[in-house]
N, C-alpha and C. Protein backbone atom coordinates (compact mmCIF):
# COMPACT_ATOMS: atom_id res chain seq x y z
N MET A 1 -14.08 6.05 -12.30
CA MET A 1 -14.25 4.70 -11.79
C MET A 1 -13.66 4.63 -10.38
N THR A 2 -14.38 3.99 -9.46
CA THR A 2 -13.90 3.84 -8.09
C THR A 2 -13.81 2.36 -7.74
N THR A 3 -12.63 1.96 -7.22
CA THR A 3 -12.44 0.57 -6.80
C THR A 3 -11.60 0.53 -5.54
N ASN A 4 -12.14 -0.06 -4.48
CA ASN A 4 -11.37 -0.33 -3.27
C ASN A 4 -10.53 0.85 -2.78
N ASN A 5 -11.15 1.99 -2.51
CA ASN A 5 -10.47 3.19 -2.03
C ASN A 5 -9.52 3.81 -3.04
N MET A 6 -9.62 3.44 -4.31
CA MET A 6 -8.78 4.04 -5.32
C MET A 6 -9.66 4.58 -6.43
N THR A 7 -9.49 5.85 -6.75
CA THR A 7 -10.25 6.48 -7.81
C THR A 7 -9.34 6.73 -8.98
N VAL A 8 -9.80 6.37 -10.16
CA VAL A 8 -8.99 6.58 -11.35
C VAL A 8 -9.74 7.51 -12.29
N ASN A 9 -9.19 8.69 -12.54
CA ASN A 9 -9.76 9.67 -13.47
C ASN A 9 -8.66 10.00 -14.46
N GLY A 10 -8.61 9.33 -15.59
CA GLY A 10 -7.52 9.54 -16.52
C GLY A 10 -6.23 9.06 -15.88
N ASP A 11 -5.26 9.99 -15.72
CA ASP A 11 -3.98 9.65 -15.10
C ASP A 11 -3.94 9.96 -13.61
N THR A 12 -5.00 10.50 -13.04
CA THR A 12 -4.99 10.90 -11.64
C THR A 12 -5.55 9.79 -10.77
N ARG A 13 -4.74 9.34 -9.82
CA ARG A 13 -5.19 8.33 -8.86
C ARG A 13 -5.19 8.96 -7.48
N ASP A 14 -6.15 8.54 -6.69
CA ASP A 14 -6.32 9.07 -5.35
C ASP A 14 -6.47 7.88 -4.41
N ARG A 15 -5.48 7.66 -3.54
CA ARG A 15 -5.53 6.50 -2.64
C ARG A 15 -5.49 6.94 -1.19
N THR A 16 -6.40 6.37 -0.41
CA THR A 16 -6.43 6.62 1.03
C THR A 16 -6.15 5.36 1.82
N ASP A 17 -5.90 4.25 1.14
CA ASP A 17 -5.65 2.98 1.83
C ASP A 17 -4.19 2.80 2.24
N LEU A 18 -3.32 3.71 1.85
CA LEU A 18 -1.91 3.65 2.23
C LEU A 18 -1.68 4.40 3.53
N TYR A 19 -0.57 4.17 4.17
CA TYR A 19 -0.15 4.93 5.37
C TYR A 19 -1.17 4.86 6.50
N HIS A 20 -1.82 3.74 6.66
CA HIS A 20 -2.83 3.53 7.70
C HIS A 20 -3.98 4.54 7.61
N GLY A 21 -4.16 5.14 6.45
CA GLY A 21 -5.24 6.10 6.27
C GLY A 21 -4.96 7.50 6.76
N LEU A 22 -3.73 7.76 7.24
CA LEU A 22 -3.39 9.09 7.76
C LEU A 22 -3.28 10.13 6.65
N PHE A 23 -2.81 9.70 5.49
CA PHE A 23 -2.54 10.61 4.39
C PHE A 23 -3.25 10.13 3.13
N ARG A 24 -3.32 11.02 2.17
CA ARG A 24 -3.90 10.74 0.87
C ARG A 24 -2.78 10.77 -0.16
N TRP A 25 -2.59 9.69 -0.91
CA TRP A 25 -1.61 9.64 -1.99
C TRP A 25 -2.33 9.96 -3.29
N HIS A 26 -1.78 10.87 -4.05
CA HIS A 26 -2.36 11.22 -5.35
C HIS A 26 -1.30 11.87 -6.23
N THR A 27 -1.64 12.11 -7.47
CA THR A 27 -0.72 12.80 -8.37
C THR A 27 -1.08 14.28 -8.37
N GLY A 28 -0.04 15.12 -8.37
CA GLY A 28 -0.25 16.55 -8.37
C GLY A 28 -0.51 17.08 -9.78
N ASP A 29 -0.63 18.38 -9.88
CA ASP A 29 -0.87 19.02 -11.17
C ASP A 29 0.27 18.76 -12.16
N ASN A 30 1.49 18.55 -11.62
CA ASN A 30 2.64 18.30 -12.47
C ASN A 30 2.78 16.82 -12.84
N GLY A 31 1.86 15.97 -12.37
CA GLY A 31 1.90 14.55 -12.68
C GLY A 31 2.75 13.72 -11.73
N ARG A 32 3.43 14.36 -10.78
CA ARG A 32 4.26 13.65 -9.82
C ARG A 32 3.43 13.26 -8.60
N PRO A 33 3.76 12.12 -7.98
CA PRO A 33 3.00 11.70 -6.80
C PRO A 33 3.29 12.61 -5.61
N LEU A 34 2.27 12.80 -4.78
CA LEU A 34 2.45 13.56 -3.55
C LEU A 34 1.51 13.03 -2.48
N VAL A 35 1.82 13.40 -1.25
CA VAL A 35 1.04 12.96 -0.09
C VAL A 35 0.44 14.19 0.57
N SER A 36 -0.87 14.18 0.76
CA SER A 36 -1.55 15.29 1.42
C SER A 36 -2.33 14.76 2.63
N HIS A 37 -2.82 15.68 3.43
CA HIS A 37 -3.56 15.33 4.64
C HIS A 37 -4.88 14.66 4.27
N HIS A 38 -5.23 13.60 4.97
CA HIS A 38 -6.51 12.93 4.77
C HIS A 38 -7.40 13.31 5.95
N ALA A 39 -8.39 14.13 5.70
CA ALA A 39 -9.24 14.67 6.76
C ALA A 39 -9.96 13.60 7.58
N ALA A 40 -10.26 12.47 6.97
CA ALA A 40 -10.97 11.40 7.67
C ALA A 40 -10.02 10.35 8.24
N GLY A 41 -8.76 10.72 8.40
CA GLY A 41 -7.77 9.78 8.93
C GLY A 41 -7.99 9.42 10.38
N PRO A 42 -7.40 8.31 10.84
CA PRO A 42 -7.60 7.86 12.22
C PRO A 42 -6.84 8.70 13.23
N ALA A 43 -7.25 8.62 14.48
CA ALA A 43 -6.59 9.34 15.57
C ALA A 43 -5.38 8.58 16.10
N SER A 44 -5.29 7.29 15.79
CA SER A 44 -4.15 6.48 16.23
C SER A 44 -3.89 5.38 15.22
N ILE A 45 -2.64 4.89 15.22
CA ILE A 45 -2.25 3.79 14.34
C ILE A 45 -1.42 2.80 15.14
N PRO A 46 -1.29 1.55 14.68
CA PRO A 46 -0.53 0.56 15.45
C PRO A 46 0.98 0.77 15.34
N CYS A 47 1.66 0.53 16.45
CA CYS A 47 3.12 0.53 16.48
C CYS A 47 3.60 -0.66 15.64
N PRO A 48 4.61 -0.48 14.78
CA PRO A 48 5.06 -1.58 13.93
C PRO A 48 5.76 -2.71 14.69
N THR A 49 6.23 -2.44 15.91
CA THR A 49 6.92 -3.49 16.67
C THR A 49 6.05 -4.16 17.72
N THR A 50 5.17 -3.40 18.37
CA THR A 50 4.36 -3.98 19.45
C THR A 50 2.89 -4.16 19.09
N GLY A 51 2.42 -3.40 18.11
CA GLY A 51 1.01 -3.45 17.74
C GLY A 51 0.12 -2.57 18.60
N HIS A 52 0.69 -1.99 19.66
CA HIS A 52 -0.09 -1.08 20.50
C HIS A 52 -0.42 0.19 19.72
N LEU A 53 -1.58 0.75 20.00
CA LEU A 53 -1.98 1.96 19.29
C LEU A 53 -1.19 3.17 19.75
N LEU A 54 -0.72 3.94 18.78
CA LEU A 54 -0.01 5.19 19.03
C LEU A 54 -0.92 6.34 18.62
N ARG A 55 -1.13 7.27 19.53
CA ARG A 55 -2.01 8.41 19.27
C ARG A 55 -1.26 9.45 18.44
N VAL A 56 -1.86 9.87 17.34
CA VAL A 56 -1.26 10.85 16.45
C VAL A 56 -1.23 12.21 17.13
N SER A 57 -0.07 12.86 17.09
CA SER A 57 0.08 14.19 17.66
C SER A 57 0.03 15.25 16.56
N THR A 58 0.90 15.14 15.56
CA THR A 58 0.93 16.12 14.48
C THR A 58 1.09 15.44 13.13
N LEU A 59 0.55 16.08 12.11
CA LEU A 59 0.71 15.65 10.73
C LEU A 59 1.23 16.82 9.92
N ASP A 60 2.22 16.57 9.08
CA ASP A 60 2.76 17.58 8.18
C ASP A 60 2.77 16.98 6.79
N ALA A 61 1.91 17.46 5.92
CA ALA A 61 1.76 16.88 4.59
C ALA A 61 2.37 17.78 3.52
N GLU A 62 2.61 17.19 2.36
CA GLU A 62 3.20 17.87 1.20
C GLU A 62 4.53 18.51 1.57
N ALA A 63 5.29 17.82 2.42
CA ALA A 63 6.59 18.30 2.89
C ALA A 63 7.69 17.78 1.96
N ALA A 64 8.52 18.68 1.47
CA ALA A 64 9.63 18.29 0.61
C ALA A 64 10.66 17.53 1.45
N ALA A 65 10.97 16.30 1.04
CA ALA A 65 11.91 15.48 1.80
C ALA A 65 12.46 14.37 0.92
N ILE A 66 13.53 13.75 1.41
CA ILE A 66 14.11 12.58 0.76
C ILE A 66 13.79 11.38 1.64
N CYS A 67 13.19 10.35 1.06
CA CYS A 67 12.80 9.17 1.82
C CYS A 67 14.04 8.42 2.30
N PRO A 68 14.11 8.10 3.59
CA PRO A 68 15.25 7.36 4.11
C PRO A 68 15.28 5.90 3.65
N GLU A 69 14.18 5.40 3.11
CA GLU A 69 14.10 4.01 2.66
C GLU A 69 14.49 3.87 1.20
N CYS A 70 13.92 4.71 0.32
CA CYS A 70 14.15 4.53 -1.13
C CYS A 70 14.92 5.68 -1.77
N ALA A 71 15.23 6.73 -1.01
CA ALA A 71 15.97 7.90 -1.47
C ALA A 71 15.22 8.72 -2.52
N HIS A 72 13.91 8.55 -2.60
CA HIS A 72 13.08 9.34 -3.52
C HIS A 72 12.87 10.73 -2.94
N TYR A 73 13.10 11.77 -3.77
CA TYR A 73 12.81 13.13 -3.36
C TYR A 73 11.38 13.45 -3.77
N GLY A 74 10.55 13.86 -2.81
CA GLY A 74 9.17 14.14 -3.15
C GLY A 74 8.45 14.91 -2.08
N GLN A 75 7.16 15.08 -2.30
CA GLN A 75 6.28 15.80 -1.38
C GLN A 75 5.55 14.79 -0.51
N GLY A 76 6.18 14.39 0.59
CA GLY A 76 5.63 13.36 1.46
C GLY A 76 4.97 13.94 2.70
N GLY A 77 4.80 13.09 3.70
CA GLY A 77 4.16 13.52 4.93
C GLY A 77 4.86 12.98 6.15
N PHE A 78 4.88 13.75 7.21
CA PHE A 78 5.45 13.34 8.49
C PHE A 78 4.35 13.24 9.52
N VAL A 79 4.49 12.26 10.42
CA VAL A 79 3.56 12.11 11.53
C VAL A 79 4.36 11.90 12.81
N SER A 80 3.94 12.58 13.88
CA SER A 80 4.54 12.37 15.20
C SER A 80 3.44 11.86 16.13
N PHE A 81 3.86 11.34 17.27
CA PHE A 81 2.93 10.66 18.17
C PHE A 81 3.05 11.17 19.60
N ASP A 82 1.95 11.16 20.33
CA ASP A 82 1.96 11.53 21.75
C ASP A 82 2.71 10.46 22.53
N GLY A 83 3.63 10.87 23.39
CA GLY A 83 4.32 9.95 24.27
C GLY A 83 5.27 8.99 23.58
N ASP A 84 5.69 9.30 22.35
CA ASP A 84 6.61 8.44 21.61
C ASP A 84 7.55 9.35 20.84
N LEU A 85 8.84 9.11 20.93
CA LEU A 85 9.81 9.99 20.29
C LEU A 85 9.99 9.72 18.80
N ARG A 86 9.45 8.62 18.31
CA ARG A 86 9.60 8.30 16.89
C ARG A 86 8.68 9.16 16.02
N MET A 87 9.08 9.26 14.77
CA MET A 87 8.24 9.88 13.74
C MET A 87 8.17 8.88 12.60
N ALA A 88 7.26 9.12 11.70
CA ALA A 88 7.17 8.28 10.50
C ALA A 88 7.02 9.21 9.29
N TYR A 89 7.58 8.75 8.17
CA TYR A 89 7.52 9.51 6.92
C TYR A 89 6.70 8.72 5.91
N ALA A 90 5.69 9.36 5.34
CA ALA A 90 4.86 8.76 4.30
C ALA A 90 5.47 9.13 2.95
N CYS A 91 6.10 8.17 2.30
CA CYS A 91 6.82 8.43 1.05
C CYS A 91 5.88 8.27 -0.16
N PRO A 92 5.84 9.29 -1.02
CA PRO A 92 5.01 9.18 -2.22
C PRO A 92 5.65 8.28 -3.27
N GLY A 93 6.96 8.04 -3.16
CA GLY A 93 7.66 7.21 -4.13
C GLY A 93 7.46 5.72 -3.89
N CYS A 94 7.88 5.24 -2.72
CA CYS A 94 7.76 3.81 -2.42
C CYS A 94 6.42 3.48 -1.75
N ARG A 95 5.63 4.51 -1.44
CA ARG A 95 4.29 4.36 -0.86
C ARG A 95 4.30 3.60 0.46
N GLN A 96 5.37 3.79 1.23
CA GLN A 96 5.50 3.13 2.53
C GLN A 96 5.49 4.19 3.64
N LEU A 97 5.07 3.77 4.81
CA LEU A 97 5.21 4.58 6.01
C LEU A 97 6.51 4.14 6.67
N VAL A 98 7.53 4.98 6.57
CA VAL A 98 8.87 4.66 7.03
C VAL A 98 9.08 5.24 8.43
N TRP A 99 9.39 4.36 9.39
CA TRP A 99 9.56 4.79 10.78
C TRP A 99 10.96 5.29 11.02
N LEU A 100 11.06 6.43 11.71
CA LEU A 100 12.33 7.08 12.01
C LEU A 100 12.61 6.99 13.50
N SER A 101 13.86 6.79 13.85
CA SER A 101 14.23 6.69 15.27
C SER A 101 14.02 8.03 15.97
N GLY A 102 13.67 7.95 17.24
CA GLY A 102 13.48 9.15 18.05
C GLY A 102 14.79 9.67 18.59
N ALA A 103 14.75 10.84 19.17
CA ALA A 103 15.96 11.48 19.72
C ALA A 103 16.34 10.86 21.05
């Protein structure tokens, strides 16, 4: 069954509507949520403070990390931007794109 960018096959859900479409949230073979690269993701996303578009530089998916927002340990995703020192973490636990301060 497919509804609004979410596919449900038994216990497996696949969502591309989270994280501004940069990543794909789904459950892994072990049943735990994880974030992988979404091939059809956008080239830029809006800045959370100004709304100006930030051009995506790099994406790192299925990266083991602890979310700075909810402290969930999981396989999330990192995104960096051209001309901006900030990064963002796509958390599979709280399903938020958490912005990190730049250096």
